[in-house]
Amino acid sequence: IVANHKSMIDPYLILATLPFNIYRTFLPIRFFTANIYLNHWWQRCFLLPFGSFRAYYTEGKLSGVKGALQLSDRGQSLFIFPEGKRVRHNNKVEIKIGVGYLAQKRDLTIIPAFLNYNVSSKTRKTQVYWGKPFKIRSTMKLKDLNILSMHIFSKVEKLAALQ
């Protein structure tokens, strides 16, 4: 699952919109989590059992995109935010290449999702838009990782037009 990222609870909000029988097919789901959120034992006690793993390589630990490949090879689903951080406003950020690396190395099915926090003066409404699952063509896998990552994330951005 590839999605935009505005809040720490995004993965849980996004997954909560899935019917249970579909959600169950994704299990177990692993979430790229910034290493800083896994520095303290109490953070690890809460986040690791819920599927978090270190987003950036850490010696001797299952981490980074190479760790994600290992998890994928074990049949686990991956949830990644290519922006690499929370983007609260409609600012453009440089997309990280991890999603492109994963797509280049494995024949993954990618499912785009866009989370919209619609906060107006009268109502607060959060909506999740799901895109059509897709795979990366072999010719696209030959592209530069930046181009490939942008291509993948563009599917998420297109969902923003549905709001």
Protein backbone atom coordinates (compact mmCIF):
# COMPACT_ATOMS: atom_id res chain seq x y z
CA ILE A 1 0.00 0.00 0.00
CA VAL A 2 1.37 3.40 -1.03
CA ALA A 3 -0.21 6.52 0.47
CA ASN A 4 0.19 10.18 1.29
CA HIS A 5 1.08 11.02 4.89
CA LYS A 6 -0.38 13.78 7.06
CA SER A 7 -0.73 12.27 10.53
CA MET A 8 0.80 9.60 12.73
CA ILE A 9 -2.48 7.67 12.66
CA ASP A 10 -2.74 7.58 8.86
CA PRO A 11 -2.01 3.88 8.36
CA TYR A 12 -4.66 2.89 10.89
CA LEU A 13 -7.27 5.26 9.41
CA ILE A 14 -6.57 4.00 5.92
CA LEU A 15 -6.76 0.34 6.91
CA ALA A 16 -9.93 0.93 8.94
CA THR A 17 -11.78 1.72 5.70
CA LEU A 18 -11.22 -1.77 4.34
CA PRO A 19 -13.85 -4.46 4.70
CA PHE A 20 -12.59 -7.05 7.19
CA ASN A 21 -12.32 -9.88 4.66
CA ILE A 22 -10.04 -7.75 2.45
CA TYR A 23 -8.06 -6.45 5.43
CA ARG A 24 -7.49 -10.03 6.53
CA THR A 25 -5.90 -10.91 3.16
CA PHE A 26 -3.25 -8.24 3.74
CA LEU A 27 -2.18 -9.62 7.12
CA PRO A 28 0.45 -9.38 8.37
CA ILE A 29 1.00 -5.74 7.42
CA ARG A 30 4.32 -4.04 8.10
CA PHE A 31 4.75 -0.26 8.29
CA PHE A 32 7.85 1.74 7.51
CA THR A 33 8.35 3.86 10.63
CA ALA A 34 10.93 6.62 11.06
CA ASN A 35 13.73 5.32 13.28
CA ILE A 36 13.30 8.20 15.71
CA TYR A 37 9.91 6.75 16.76
CA LEU A 38 11.57 3.47 17.72
CA ASN A 39 14.39 4.88 19.88
CA HIS A 40 12.83 4.22 23.27
CA TRP A 41 11.73 0.87 24.69
CA TRP A 42 8.21 2.12 25.40
CA GLN A 43 7.80 3.24 21.77
CA ARG A 44 9.00 -0.13 20.53
CA CYS A 45 6.60 -1.93 22.93
CA PHE A 46 3.69 -0.14 21.30
CA LEU A 47 4.75 0.14 17.65
CA LEU A 48 6.58 -3.11 16.89
CA PRO A 49 3.65 -5.42 17.73
CA PHE A 50 1.47 -3.34 15.40
CA GLY A 51 3.80 -4.01 12.47
CA SER A 52 6.22 -1.09 12.53
CA PHE A 53 9.83 -1.57 11.47
CA ARG A 54 12.70 0.88 11.02
CA ALA A 55 12.44 2.82 7.77
CA TYR A 56 16.17 3.57 7.63
CA TYR A 57 18.91 0.96 7.70
CA THR A 58 20.21 0.05 11.15
CA GLU A 59 23.08 -2.44 11.48
CA GLY A 60 21.92 -5.79 12.82
CA LYS A 61 18.21 -4.98 12.68
CA LEU A 62 15.48 -5.74 10.19
CA SER A 63 15.27 -2.28 8.65
CA GLY A 64 15.15 -0.14 5.54
CA VAL A 65 14.18 -1.23 2.06
CA LYS A 66 16.35 -4.34 2.23
CA GLY A 67 14.50 -5.37 5.40
CA ALA A 68 11.24 -4.66 3.57
CA LEU A 69 12.31 -7.02 0.79
CA GLN A 70 12.90 -9.73 3.39
CA LEU A 71 9.44 -9.10 4.86
CA SER A 72 7.88 -9.21 1.40
CA ASP A 73 9.67 -12.48 0.65
CA ARG A 74 8.02 -13.89 3.81
CA GLY A 75 4.59 -12.98 2.38
CA GLN A 76 4.04 -9.89 4.49
CA SER A 77 2.32 -6.80 3.10
CA LEU A 78 4.13 -3.46 3.15
CA PHE A 79 2.72 -0.01 3.83
CA ILE A 80 4.91 2.88 2.71
CA PHE A 81 4.65 6.66 2.61
CA PRO A 82 6.95 7.78 -0.24
CA GLU A 83 6.95 11.37 1.05
CA GLY A 84 9.10 10.05 3.90
CA LYS A 85 7.51 12.35 6.44
CA ARG A 86 4.22 13.87 7.39
CA VAL A 87 3.15 16.60 4.98
CA ARG A 88 0.34 18.53 6.62
CA HIS A 89 -0.23 21.12 3.92
CA ASN A 90 -0.32 20.71 0.17
CA ASN A 91 3.41 21.35 -0.02
CA LYS A 92 5.39 19.44 -2.59
CA VAL A 93 8.17 17.32 -1.14
CA GLU A 94 10.82 15.23 -2.79
CA ILE A 95 9.60 11.65 -3.00
CA LYS A 96 11.94 9.08 -1.46
CA ILE A 97 13.18 6.33 -3.76
CA GLY A 98 12.36 3.40 -1.47
CA VAL A 99 9.05 2.62 -3.14
CA GLY A 100 10.76 2.59 -6.54
CA TYR A 101 13.51 0.33 -5.21
CA LEU A 102 10.94 -2.15 -3.88
CA ALA A 103 9.00 -2.13 -7.15
CA GLN A 104 12.20 -2.60 -9.14
CA LYS A 105 13.39 -5.58 -7.09
CA ARG A 106 10.11 -7.49 -6.74
CA ASP A 107 6.95 -8.04 -8.76
CA LEU A 108 4.78 -6.35 -6.15
CA THR A 109 1.14 -5.43 -6.51
CA ILE A 110 0.89 -1.77 -5.55
CA ILE A 111 -2.30 -0.32 -4.14
CA PRO A 112 -2.47 3.49 -3.99
CA ALA A 113 -4.47 5.23 -1.28
CA PHE A 114 -5.11 8.91 -0.63
CA LEU A 115 -6.18 10.15 2.78
CA ASN A 116 -8.01 13.47 2.78
CA TYR A 117 -8.55 15.36 6.01
CA ASN A 118 -11.31 17.78 5.07
CA VAL A 119 -11.42 20.29 7.89
CA SER A 120 -13.83 23.14 7.31
CA SER A 121 -15.46 25.51 9.74
CA LYS A 122 -18.65 23.43 9.79
CA THR A 123 -17.49 19.85 9.50
CA ARG A 124 -14.53 17.57 9.95
CA LYS A 125 -14.57 14.70 7.53
CA THR A 126 -11.82 12.25 6.76
CA GLN A 127 -12.06 10.30 3.53
CA VAL A 128 -9.89 7.57 2.07
CA TYR A 129 -9.76 7.06 -1.67
CA TRP A 130 -8.43 3.75 -2.95
CA GLY A 131 -6.87 3.41 -6.37
CA LYS A 132 -6.80 0.43 -8.66
CA PRO A 133 -4.07 -2.10 -7.79
CA PHE A 134 -1.29 -2.22 -10.37
CA LYS A 135 2.10 -3.74 -11.13
CA ILE A 136 5.11 -2.04 -12.64
CA ARG A 137 5.87 -3.08 -16.22
CA SER A 138 9.33 -4.52 -16.81
CA THR A 139 10.22 -1.61 -19.11
CA MET A 140 9.34 0.86 -16.35
CA LYS A 141 11.57 -1.04 -13.91
CA LEU A 142 14.56 -0.02 -16.02
CA LYS A 143 13.94 3.66 -15.28
CA ASP A 144 15.83 5.73 -12.74
CA LEU A 145 14.59 5.13 -9.16
CA ASN A 146 13.49 8.77 -8.82
CA ILE A 147 11.36 8.52 -11.97
CA LEU A 148 9.94 5.16 -10.93
CA SER A 149 9.09 6.42 -7.44
CA MET A 150 7.41 9.54 -8.85
CA HIS A 151 5.43 7.37 -11.27
CA ILE A 152 4.14 5.25 -8.40
CA PHE A 153 3.31 8.22 -6.18
CA SER A 154 1.54 9.97 -9.08
CA LYS A 155 -1.15 7.29 -8.75
CA VAL A 156 -1.73 8.49 -5.17
CA GLU A 157 -1.79 12.13 -6.25
CA LYS A 158 -4.38 11.38 -8.94
CA LEU A 159 -6.71 10.16 -6.21
CA ALA A 160 -6.56 13.65 -4.66
CA ALA A 161 -8.55 14.90 -7.65
CA LEU A 162 -11.51 12.82 -6.45
CA GLN A 163 -12.08 15.05 -3.43
